[in-house]
Protein backbone atom coordinates (compact mmCIF):
# COMPACT_ATOMS: atom_id res chain seq x y z
CA MET A 1 0.00 0.00 0.00
CA LEU A 2 1.46 3.31 -1.17
CA LEU A 3 0.11 6.42 0.53
CA ASP A 4 -0.04 9.78 -1.25
CA THR A 5 0.70 11.30 2.12
CA ALA A 6 0.20 15.02 1.50
CA ALA A 7 -3.12 14.45 -0.27
CA LEU A 8 -4.28 12.45 2.75
CA TYR A 9 -3.13 14.85 5.46
CA PHE A 10 -4.72 17.80 3.64
CA ARG A 11 -8.00 15.87 3.56
CA ALA A 12 -7.55 14.96 7.23
CA PHE A 13 -6.91 18.58 8.18
CA HIS A 14 -10.10 19.76 6.52
CA GLY A 15 -12.13 16.78 7.74
CA VAL A 16 -11.29 16.83 11.47
CA PRO A 17 -12.14 19.91 13.58
CA ASP A 18 -9.16 22.02 14.64
CA THR A 19 -10.47 21.78 18.18
CA VAL A 20 -8.63 18.45 18.32
CA ARG A 21 -5.50 19.52 20.21
CA ALA A 22 -2.51 18.05 22.00
CA PRO A 23 -2.23 18.48 25.80
CA ASP A 24 -0.10 21.58 25.22
CA GLY A 25 -2.84 23.12 23.05
CA SER A 26 -1.13 22.65 19.69
CA PRO A 27 -3.35 21.52 16.80
CA VAL A 28 -3.18 17.83 15.89
CA ASN A 29 -6.35 17.39 13.84
CA ALA A 30 -4.41 16.51 10.66
CA VAL A 31 -2.25 14.05 12.60
CA ARG A 32 -5.26 12.38 14.18
CA GLY A 33 -7.22 12.33 10.94
CA LEU A 34 -4.34 10.79 9.00
CA LEU A 35 -3.88 8.07 11.63
CA ASP A 36 -7.60 7.31 11.53
CA MET A 37 -7.37 7.02 7.74
CA ILE A 38 -4.40 4.66 7.91
CA ALA A 39 -6.22 2.56 10.51
CA LYS A 40 -9.22 2.29 8.16
CA PHE A 41 -7.07 1.34 5.17
CA VAL A 42 -5.14 -1.27 7.15
CA GLY A 43 -8.30 -2.75 8.61
CA GLU A 44 -10.26 -2.81 5.35
CA PHE A 45 -7.59 -3.76 2.81
CA GLU A 46 -5.10 -5.64 5.03
CA PRO A 47 -1.86 -4.64 3.26
CA THR A 48 1.23 -6.66 4.09
CA GLU A 49 3.45 -3.60 3.64
CA ILE A 50 2.84 0.14 3.72
CA VAL A 51 4.89 3.14 2.56
CA ALA A 52 4.19 6.85 3.10
CA CYS A 53 5.30 8.57 -0.12
CA TRP A 54 6.41 12.17 0.35
CA ASP A 55 6.70 15.37 -1.66
CA ASP A 56 10.38 16.18 -1.26
CA ASP A 57 9.68 18.73 -4.00
CA TRP A 58 5.98 19.52 -4.34
CA ARG A 59 6.56 21.74 -7.42
CA PRO A 60 9.65 20.53 -9.30
CA GLN A 61 11.37 23.23 -11.29
CA TRP A 62 11.64 21.01 -14.37
CA ARG A 63 7.83 20.81 -14.50
CA VAL A 64 7.52 24.58 -13.97
CA ASP A 65 10.00 25.18 -16.80
CA LEU A 66 7.66 23.29 -19.12
CA ILE A 67 4.41 24.87 -17.87
CA PRO A 68 5.02 28.00 -15.74
CA SER A 69 1.45 27.97 -14.39
CA TYR A 70 2.00 24.54 -12.83
CA LYS A 71 0.73 24.83 -9.23
CA ALA A 72 1.53 28.56 -9.35
CA HIS A 73 -1.67 29.49 -7.50
CA ARG A 74 -0.48 27.45 -4.49
CA VAL A 75 2.86 29.22 -4.06
CA ALA A 76 3.23 31.22 -0.85
CA ARG A 77 6.64 32.62 -1.74
CA GLU A 78 9.74 31.88 -3.76
CA THR A 79 13.11 31.18 -2.10
CA ASP A 80 16.57 30.22 -3.31
CA ALA A 81 15.65 26.62 -2.45
CA GLY A 82 12.47 26.71 -4.54
CA SER A 83 8.76 27.40 -4.14
CA VAL A 84 7.23 27.34 -0.67
CA GLU A 85 3.73 25.90 -0.67
CA GLU A 86 0.95 27.90 0.94
CA LEU A 87 -0.34 25.92 3.92
CA PRO A 88 -3.06 26.77 6.43
CA ASP A 89 -1.48 28.24 9.56
CA LEU A 90 -2.72 25.38 11.73
CA LEU A 91 -1.51 22.69 9.32
CA ALA A 92 2.10 23.78 8.79
CA PRO A 93 3.33 22.87 12.32
CA GLN A 94 1.65 19.46 12.07
CA VAL A 95 3.64 18.28 9.04
CA PRO A 96 6.87 17.50 10.98
CA VAL A 97 4.75 15.83 13.67
CA ILE A 98 3.20 13.61 11.00
CA ARG A 99 6.65 12.53 9.84
CA GLU A 100 7.69 11.79 13.41
CA VAL A 101 4.55 9.76 14.14
CA LEU A 102 4.93 7.73 10.94
CA ALA A 103 8.53 6.97 11.91
CA GLN A 104 7.42 5.87 15.38
CA LEU A 105 4.93 3.50 13.76
CA GLY A 106 7.64 1.99 11.59
CA ILE A 107 6.07 3.26 8.37
CA PRO A 108 8.83 4.36 5.96
CA VAL A 109 8.56 7.92 4.65
CA VAL A 110 10.01 7.93 1.14
CA GLY A 111 10.69 10.99 -0.99
CA MET A 112 13.20 12.04 -3.60
CA ALA A 113 14.86 15.35 -4.39
CA ASP A 114 13.39 17.13 -7.44
CA TYR A 115 10.38 14.81 -7.56
CA GLU A 116 6.88 14.66 -6.14
CA ALA A 117 5.28 11.87 -4.16
CA ASP A 118 3.43 10.92 -7.37
CA ASP A 119 6.77 10.06 -8.98
CA VAL A 120 7.87 7.98 -6.01
CA ILE A 121 4.52 6.15 -6.15
CA GLY A 122 4.90 5.60 -9.89
CA THR A 123 8.37 4.15 -9.45
CA LEU A 124 7.50 1.85 -6.56
CA ALA A 125 4.25 0.68 -8.15
CA SER A 126 5.96 -0.08 -11.45
CA ARG A 127 8.78 -1.97 -9.74
CA SER A 128 6.70 -3.96 -7.27
CA ARG A 129 6.58 -7.74 -7.53
CA ILE A 130 3.45 -7.95 -5.37
CA PRO A 131 0.00 -6.38 -5.83
CA VAL A 132 -0.15 -2.64 -5.12
CA ASP A 133 -2.88 -0.40 -3.74
CA ILE A 134 -2.30 3.34 -4.22
CA VAL A 135 -4.24 5.52 -1.80
CA THR A 136 -4.85 9.03 -3.11
CA GLY A 137 -7.34 11.78 -3.83
CA ASP A 138 -5.28 12.88 -6.86
CA ARG A 139 -6.80 11.83 -10.16
CA ASP A 140 -3.43 12.01 -11.93
CA LEU A 141 -2.43 8.72 -10.30
CA ILE A 142 -5.24 6.93 -12.14
CA GLN A 143 -2.72 6.58 -14.97
CA LEU A 144 -0.99 3.89 -12.88
CA VAL A 145 -4.00 1.56 -12.66
CA ASP A 146 -3.03 -1.70 -14.33
CA ASP A 147 -4.93 -4.97 -13.87
CA ALA A 148 -2.19 -6.95 -15.59
CA HIS A 149 0.30 -5.89 -12.92
CA ASP A 150 -2.15 -5.87 -9.99
CA VAL A 151 -2.02 -2.09 -9.45
CA ARG A 152 -5.22 -0.49 -8.15
CA VAL A 153 -6.08 3.00 -6.90
CA ILE A 154 -8.11 3.51 -3.74
CA TYR A 155 -9.52 6.93 -4.58
CA THR A 156 -10.57 9.15 -1.66
CA GLY A 157 -11.99 12.00 -3.72
CA ARG A 158 -15.57 11.34 -2.62
CA GLY A 159 -14.66 10.99 1.05
CA MET A 160 -13.61 8.20 3.37
CA SER A 161 -17.09 6.71 3.50
CA ASN A 162 -17.27 6.56 -0.31
CA LEU A 163 -13.94 5.12 -1.38
CA ASP A 164 -13.63 4.20 -5.07
CA LEU A 165 -11.60 1.09 -5.84
CA LEU A 166 -10.32 1.76 -9.34
CA THR A 167 -9.36 -1.09 -11.65
CA ASP A 168 -9.11 -1.00 -15.46
CA GLY A 169 -12.83 -1.60 -15.85
CA ALA A 170 -13.80 0.86 -13.13
CA VAL A 171 -11.71 3.62 -14.75
CA GLU A 172 -13.28 3.00 -18.15
CA LYS A 173 -16.78 3.00 -16.66
CA LYS A 174 -16.19 6.16 -14.61
CA TYR A 175 -14.20 8.28 -17.07
CA GLY A 176 -14.79 6.73 -20.50
CA VAL A 177 -11.07 6.18 -21.13
CA THR A 178 -8.58 3.45 -20.26
CA PRO A 179 -5.88 4.04 -17.64
CA ARG A 180 -3.32 4.18 -20.48
CA GLN A 181 -5.31 7.03 -22.04
CA TYR A 182 -5.73 8.90 -18.78
CA VAL A 183 -2.66 11.15 -19.20
CA ASP A 184 -3.89 12.26 -22.63
CA PHE A 185 -7.38 12.79 -21.19
CA ALA A 186 -5.97 14.94 -18.36
CA VAL A 187 -3.82 16.97 -20.77
CA LEU A 188 -6.80 17.75 -23.00
CA ARG A 189 -9.20 18.49 -20.13
CA GLY A 190 -6.72 20.42 -17.99
CA ASP A 191 -6.75 20.63 -14.22
CA PRO A 192 -7.23 23.97 -12.44
CA SER A 193 -6.07 22.45 -9.14
CA ASP A 194 -2.64 21.90 -10.70
CA GLY A 195 -2.60 24.99 -12.89
CA LEU A 196 -2.84 22.97 -16.11
CA PRO A 197 -4.80 25.02 -18.67
CA GLY A 198 -5.88 22.17 -20.93
CA VAL A 199 -7.01 22.85 -24.50
CA ALA A 200 -9.36 25.82 -24.50
CA GLY A 201 -12.87 24.79 -25.41
CA ILE A 202 -12.31 21.05 -24.93
CA GLY A 203 -13.94 19.58 -21.85
CA GLU A 204 -14.20 16.05 -20.56
CA LYS A 205 -16.90 14.86 -22.97
CA THR A 206 -15.07 16.12 -26.04
CA ALA A 207 -11.78 14.71 -24.76
CA VAL A 208 -13.36 11.29 -24.31
CA ALA A 209 -14.94 11.43 -27.77
CA LEU A 210 -11.64 12.36 -29.41
CA LEU A 211 -9.69 9.66 -27.59
CA THR A 212 -12.34 7.10 -28.47
CA GLU A 213 -12.06 8.03 -32.15
CA PHE A 214 -8.31 8.58 -32.49
CA GLY A 215 -6.92 6.47 -29.65
CA SER A 216 -4.31 8.84 -28.26
CA LEU A 217 -3.23 12.46 -28.03
CA ASP A 218 -0.70 11.87 -30.80
CA GLY A 219 -3.52 10.54 -32.97
CA ILE A 220 -5.63 13.62 -32.25
CA ILE A 221 -2.76 16.00 -33.03
CA ALA A 222 -2.04 14.16 -36.28
CA ALA A 223 -5.71 14.33 -37.28
CA ALA A 224 -5.83 18.06 -36.55
CA ALA A 225 -2.78 18.64 -38.72
CA ASP A 226 -4.10 16.62 -41.68
CA PRO A 227 -6.99 18.26 -43.55
CA LYS A 228 -7.76 14.93 -45.21
CA ILE A 229 -8.83 13.38 -41.88
CA PRO A 230 -12.44 14.17 -40.97
CA LEU A 231 -12.50 16.41 -37.91
CA GLY A 232 -14.78 19.28 -36.97
CA ALA A 233 -13.36 22.65 -37.91
CA ALA A 234 -13.79 24.06 -34.40
CA VAL A 235 -12.01 21.15 -32.73
CA ARG A 236 -9.25 21.20 -35.35
CA SER A 237 -8.69 24.89 -34.69
CA LYS A 238 -8.61 24.42 -30.91
CA VAL A 239 -6.12 21.56 -31.03
CA ASN A 240 -3.81 23.38 -33.46
CA ALA A 241 -3.97 26.58 -31.40
CA ALA A 242 -2.79 24.65 -28.34
CA SER A 243 0.21 23.07 -30.09
CA ASP A 244 2.82 24.67 -27.80
CA TYR A 245 1.01 23.48 -24.68
CA LEU A 246 0.42 20.00 -26.09
CA ALA A 247 4.11 19.63 -26.95
CA VAL A 248 5.10 19.74 -23.27
CA ALA A 249 2.04 18.91 -21.19
CA THR A 250 2.38 15.14 -21.36
CA LYS A 251 5.82 15.36 -19.73
CA VAL A 252 4.31 17.34 -16.87
CA VAL A 253 1.30 15.07 -16.26
CA GLU A 254 3.09 11.73 -16.62
CA VAL A 255 4.50 10.42 -13.35
CA ALA A 256 7.99 8.98 -13.24
CA ARG A 257 8.13 5.19 -13.27
CA ASN A 258 11.85 4.55 -13.05
CA LEU A 259 14.10 6.83 -11.05
CA ASP A 260 17.08 4.45 -10.99
CA HIS A 261 19.25 6.85 -12.94
CA ALA A 262 18.89 9.69 -10.44
CA ASP A 263 21.65 10.61 -8.00
CA HIS A 264 19.43 9.91 -5.00
CA ALA A 265 18.03 6.63 -6.29
CA GLY A 266 19.32 4.85 -3.20
CA ARG A 267 16.55 6.52 -1.22
CA ILE A 268 14.10 4.52 -3.28
CA THR A 269 15.94 1.34 -4.27
CA ALA A 270 17.30 0.71 -0.80
CA ILE A 271 14.07 0.90 1.13
CA THR A 272 12.56 -2.14 2.77
CA PRO A 273 8.97 -1.32 3.68
CA GLN A 274 8.00 -2.41 7.17
CA PRO A 275 4.97 -4.63 7.84
CA ALA A 276 1.76 -2.66 8.05
CA VAL A 277 0.90 -1.55 11.56
CA ALA A 278 -2.50 -2.31 13.04
CA LEU A 279 -3.69 0.84 14.77
CA HIS A 280 -6.16 0.95 17.63
CA GLY A 281 -7.88 3.73 19.53
């Protein structure tokens, strides 16, 4: 079980009242909420191993270089070390506590310089020799769903009482595209929460229709560039007008699946996830 940790502790922070405090009065609602979530996941899905994947770099510069608007609306300030994410005042002091509590539970916290938790999840899921459950509220990770390799997503977007267990068939039923098409779907649709503009005038329904007809983003771009291929004039114009964005967006939306070449690869290749911890109380 791979946890998209930041996505979960943000949800925990907003889902548990900030009146939940430590004896010294400091807020611990995100800590408590995250532990309750982990307890639910462990109890319901019974993972043999669990890893808390971490955003060592929540807004990698290489992604910003490709699309400057990437997560720009969530930047509190810029420093020499990179972008500082805007966090609620009561959440910021809880983040180091969360790391400490996870360590005390024996749950490895795994991150990598210049990469997001999504990329760590993509690498570990792709490398795993046992079935994988990815726990997240981030739709971008749907691209990793793969029945053939026993990779599922436990999607928390509708709340903890309405978890979606996403397999190949469930993704196709819910979104109208296959997991392999999901990156292209996300690129076309855009995502305001990540600052991805998408192709102006193309929403989810049109994106699904185009991918159903042409199979992939490359197929859609090729059709838009070839006047001999039947394609509505309005859609053709919209796709061609977005050519600069489409040339780089896939690289931003795709998660890394193999970070072996990186200088800090040892932080991923050397980990040995600990057995999942049963939590009580």
